[in-house]
Amino acid sequence: QVQLVESGGGLVQPGGSLRLSCAASGGIFSIYAMGWYRQAPGKQRDLVAGITSGNRTRYVDAVKGRFTISRDNAKNTVYLQMNSLKPEDTAVYYCNTIPGALLSWGQGTQVTVSS
């Protein structure tokens, strides 16, 4: 069973940047298409970015042009570079497979955008 561990969150001012990491262990990471999801307080968990095993990427409109998803299969890690952060990006960020979250959720990493 693949286990997921997210890291890299924190408190950042509007316009700032963060780089999130998701390390996977216990399985064949490279075969999975992976995504970054986020859940704001009182809202459902939504997919914001995805990357296939062949490195094709897709983004929701709200983050397009500001977020970049990437992966390093040798390190079993997927990244989310977040630039030009906005207060509405505040959420707990998680990674999991796409389409559909087939793996057990990790603990997530909190991103707070505030002045």
C-alpha atoms as a PDB file:
ATOM      1  CA  GLN A   1       0.000   0.000   0.000  1.00  0.00           C
ATOM      2  CA  VAL A   2       1.409   3.387  -1.032  1.00  0.00           C
ATOM      3  CA  GLN A   3       1.628   5.921   1.768  1.00  0.00           C
ATOM      4  CA  LEU A   4       1.588   9.654   1.074  1.00  0.00           C
ATOM      5  CA  VAL A   5       3.310  12.357   3.117  1.00  0.00           C
ATOM      6  CA  GLU A   6       2.765  16.009   2.222  1.00  0.00           C
ATOM      7  CA  SER A   7       5.037  18.835   3.363  1.00  0.00           C
ATOM      8  CA  GLY A   8       6.088  22.379   2.577  1.00  0.00           C
ATOM      9  CA  GLY A   9       3.068  24.370   3.694  1.00  0.00           C
ATOM     10  CA  GLY A  10       3.155  27.434   5.879  1.00  0.00           C
ATOM     11  CA  LEU A  11       2.089  31.022   6.347  1.00  0.00           C
ATOM     12  CA  VAL A  12       2.832  33.350   3.457  1.00  0.00           C
ATOM     13  CA  GLN A  13       1.811  36.859   2.502  1.00  0.00           C
ATOM     14  CA  PRO A  14      -0.339  37.503  -0.568  1.00  0.00           C
ATOM     15  CA  GLY A  15       1.848  37.423  -3.660  1.00  0.00           C
ATOM     16  CA  GLY A  16       4.293  35.027  -2.058  1.00  0.00           C
ATOM     17  CA  SER A  17       5.365  31.536  -3.068  1.00  0.00           C
ATOM     18  CA  LEU A  18       5.520  28.062  -1.580  1.00  0.00           C
ATOM     19  CA  ARG A  19       6.652  24.702  -2.881  1.00  0.00           C
ATOM     20  CA  LEU A  20       4.765  21.670  -1.658  1.00  0.00           C
ATOM     21  CA  SER A  21       6.114  18.131  -1.763  1.00  0.00           C
ATOM     22  CA  CYS A  22       4.339  14.801  -1.629  1.00  0.00           C
ATOM     23  CA  ALA A  23       6.512  11.779  -0.941  1.00  0.00           C
ATOM     24  CA  ALA A  24       5.127   8.337  -1.714  1.00  0.00           C
ATOM     25  CA  SER A  25       6.380   5.104  -0.262  1.00  0.00           C
ATOM     26  CA  GLY A  26       5.417   1.477  -0.391  1.00  0.00           C
ATOM     27  CA  GLY A  27       4.416   1.085  -4.015  1.00  0.00           C
ATOM     28  CA  ILE A  28       5.163   1.705  -7.663  1.00  0.00           C
ATOM     29  CA  PHE A  29       4.739   5.465  -7.704  1.00  0.00           C
ATOM     30  CA  SER A  30       5.678   6.045 -11.331  1.00  0.00           C
ATOM     31  CA  ILE A  31       2.632   4.278 -12.762  1.00  0.00           C
ATOM     32  CA  TYR A  32       0.154   6.608 -11.087  1.00  0.00           C
ATOM     33  CA  ALA A  33      -1.271   9.825 -12.427  1.00  0.00           C
ATOM     34  CA  MET A  34      -1.128  12.150  -9.446  1.00  0.00           C
ATOM     35  CA  GLY A  35      -2.963  15.239  -8.365  1.00  0.00           C
ATOM     36  CA  TRP A  36      -2.913  17.949  -5.763  1.00  0.00           C
ATOM     37  CA  TYR A  37      -6.180  18.557  -3.969  1.00  0.00           C
ATOM     38  CA  ARG A  38      -7.120  21.226  -1.467  1.00  0.00           C
ATOM     39  CA  GLN A  39      -9.771  21.648   1.177  1.00  0.00           C
ATOM     40  CA  ALA A  40     -10.651  25.018   2.625  1.00  0.00           C
ATOM     41  CA  PRO A  41     -12.524  25.263   5.951  1.00  0.00           C
ATOM     42  CA  GLY A  42     -16.156  24.272   5.510  1.00  0.00           C
ATOM     43  CA  LYS A  43     -15.690  23.264   1.879  1.00  0.00           C
ATOM     44  CA  GLN A  44     -15.242  20.030   0.000  1.00  0.00           C
ATOM     45  CA  ARG A  45     -11.887  18.716  -1.113  1.00  0.00           C
ATOM     46  CA  ASP A  46     -11.227  19.687  -4.742  1.00  0.00           C
ATOM     47  CA  LEU A  47      -8.611  18.755  -7.302  1.00  0.00           C
ATOM     48  CA  VAL A  48      -6.519  21.732  -8.409  1.00  0.00           C
ATOM     49  CA  ALA A  49      -3.701  20.220 -10.495  1.00  0.00           C
ATOM     50  CA  GLY A  50      -2.836  16.884 -12.035  1.00  0.00           C
ATOM     51  CA  ILE A  51       0.086  15.196 -13.763  1.00  0.00           C
ATOM     52  CA  THR A  52       0.087  11.954 -15.703  1.00  0.00           C
ATOM     53  CA  SER A  53       2.774   9.287 -15.648  1.00  0.00           C
ATOM     54  CA  GLY A  54       3.944  10.862 -18.912  1.00  0.00           C
ATOM     55  CA  ASN A  55       4.179  14.357 -17.358  1.00  0.00           C
ATOM     56  CA  ARG A  56       1.118  15.874 -19.006  1.00  0.00           C
ATOM     57  CA  THR A  57      -0.363  18.481 -16.697  1.00  0.00           C
ATOM     58  CA  ARG A  58      -3.739  20.087 -16.152  1.00  0.00           C
ATOM     59  CA  TYR A  59      -4.964  22.825 -13.830  1.00  0.00           C
ATOM     60  CA  VAL A  60      -8.232  24.282 -12.698  1.00  0.00           C
ATOM     61  CA  ASP A  61      -8.796  27.830 -13.900  1.00  0.00           C
ATOM     62  CA  ALA A  62      -8.368  29.281 -10.410  1.00  0.00           C
ATOM     63  CA  VAL A  63      -4.683  28.300 -10.285  1.00  0.00           C
ATOM     64  CA  LYS A  64      -3.734  28.241 -13.961  1.00  0.00           C
ATOM     65  CA  GLY A  65      -0.663  30.366 -14.621  1.00  0.00           C
ATOM     66  CA  ARG A  66       0.235  30.505 -10.916  1.00  0.00           C
ATOM     67  CA  PHE A  67       0.725  26.856  -9.887  1.00  0.00           C
ATOM     68  CA  THR A  68       3.016  24.279 -11.477  1.00  0.00           C
ATOM     69  CA  ILE A  69       2.825  20.566 -10.781  1.00  0.00           C
ATOM     70  CA  SER A  70       5.808  18.325 -11.430  1.00  0.00           C
ATOM     71  CA  ARG A  71       7.110  14.920 -10.426  1.00  0.00           C
ATOM     72  CA  ASP A  72      10.380  13.128  -9.846  1.00  0.00           C
ATOM     73  CA  ASN A  73       9.783   9.403 -10.206  1.00  0.00           C
ATOM     74  CA  ALA A  74      13.301   8.578  -9.011  1.00  0.00           C
ATOM     75  CA  LYS A  75      12.429  10.223  -5.702  1.00  0.00           C
ATOM     76  CA  ASN A  76       8.799   9.038  -5.644  1.00  0.00           C
ATOM     77  CA  THR A  77       7.775  12.650  -5.159  1.00  0.00           C
ATOM     78  CA  VAL A  78       5.290  15.046  -6.717  1.00  0.00           C
ATOM     79  CA  TYR A  79       5.623  18.803  -6.252  1.00  0.00           C
ATOM     80  CA  LEU A  80       3.385  21.834  -6.430  1.00  0.00           C
ATOM     81  CA  GLN A  81       5.088  25.174  -6.997  1.00  0.00           C
ATOM     82  CA  MET A  82       2.671  27.905  -5.982  1.00  0.00           C
ATOM     83  CA  ASN A  83       3.362  31.498  -6.989  1.00  0.00           C
ATOM     84  CA  SER A  84       1.364  34.715  -6.683  1.00  0.00           C
ATOM     85  CA  LEU A  85      -0.559  33.229  -3.800  1.00  0.00           C
ATOM     86  CA  LYS A  86      -3.920  34.701  -2.862  1.00  0.00           C
ATOM     87  CA  PRO A  87      -5.915  34.543   0.374  1.00  0.00           C
ATOM     88  CA  GLU A  88      -8.397  32.260  -1.380  1.00  0.00           C
ATOM     89  CA  ASP A  89      -5.628  29.681  -1.808  1.00  0.00           C
ATOM     90  CA  THR A  90      -5.717  29.108   1.948  1.00  0.00           C
ATOM     91  CA  ALA A  91      -6.489  25.435   2.525  1.00  0.00           C
ATOM     92  CA  VAL A  92      -5.059  22.091   3.534  1.00  0.00           C
ATOM     93  CA  TYR A  93      -3.334  20.598   0.514  1.00  0.00           C
ATOM     94  CA  TYR A  94      -3.237  16.872  -0.194  1.00  0.00           C
ATOM     95  CA  CYS A  95      -1.917  14.658  -2.958  1.00  0.00           C
ATOM     96  CA  ASN A  96      -3.487  11.488  -4.284  1.00  0.00           C
ATOM     97  CA  THR A  97      -4.070   9.643  -7.524  1.00  0.00           C
ATOM     98  CA  ILE A  98      -6.222  10.880 -10.366  1.00  0.00           C
ATOM     99  CA  PRO A  99      -8.837  10.304 -11.564  1.00  0.00           C
ATOM    100  CA  GLY A 100     -10.317   9.535  -8.200  1.00  0.00           C
ATOM    101  CA  ALA A 101      -8.300   9.348  -5.020  1.00  0.00           C
ATOM    102  CA  LEU A 102      -7.477   5.657  -4.835  1.00  0.00           C
ATOM    103  CA  LEU A 103      -4.906   5.777  -2.038  1.00  0.00           C
ATOM    104  CA  SER A 104      -5.298   6.482   1.655  1.00  0.00           C
ATOM    105  CA  TRP A 105      -5.100  10.204   2.301  1.00  0.00           C
ATOM    106  CA  GLY A 106      -2.041  11.642   3.979  1.00  0.00           C
ATOM    107  CA  GLN A 107      -2.231  14.236   6.718  1.00  0.00           C
ATOM    108  CA  GLY A 108      -2.025  17.119   4.271  1.00  0.00           C
ATOM    109  CA  THR A 109      -0.086  20.345   4.619  1.00  0.00           C
ATOM    110  CA  GLN A 110      -1.642  23.638   5.679  1.00  0.00           C
ATOM    111  CA  VAL A 111      -1.196  26.669   3.440  1.00  0.00           C
ATOM    112  CA  THR A 112      -2.283  30.002   4.865  1.00  0.00           C
ATOM    113  CA  VAL A 113      -2.118  33.148   2.754  1.00  0.00           C
ATOM    114  CA  SER A 114      -2.567  36.232   4.893  1.00  0.00           C
ATOM    115  CA  SER A 115      -1.017  39.616   5.538  1.00  0.00           C
END
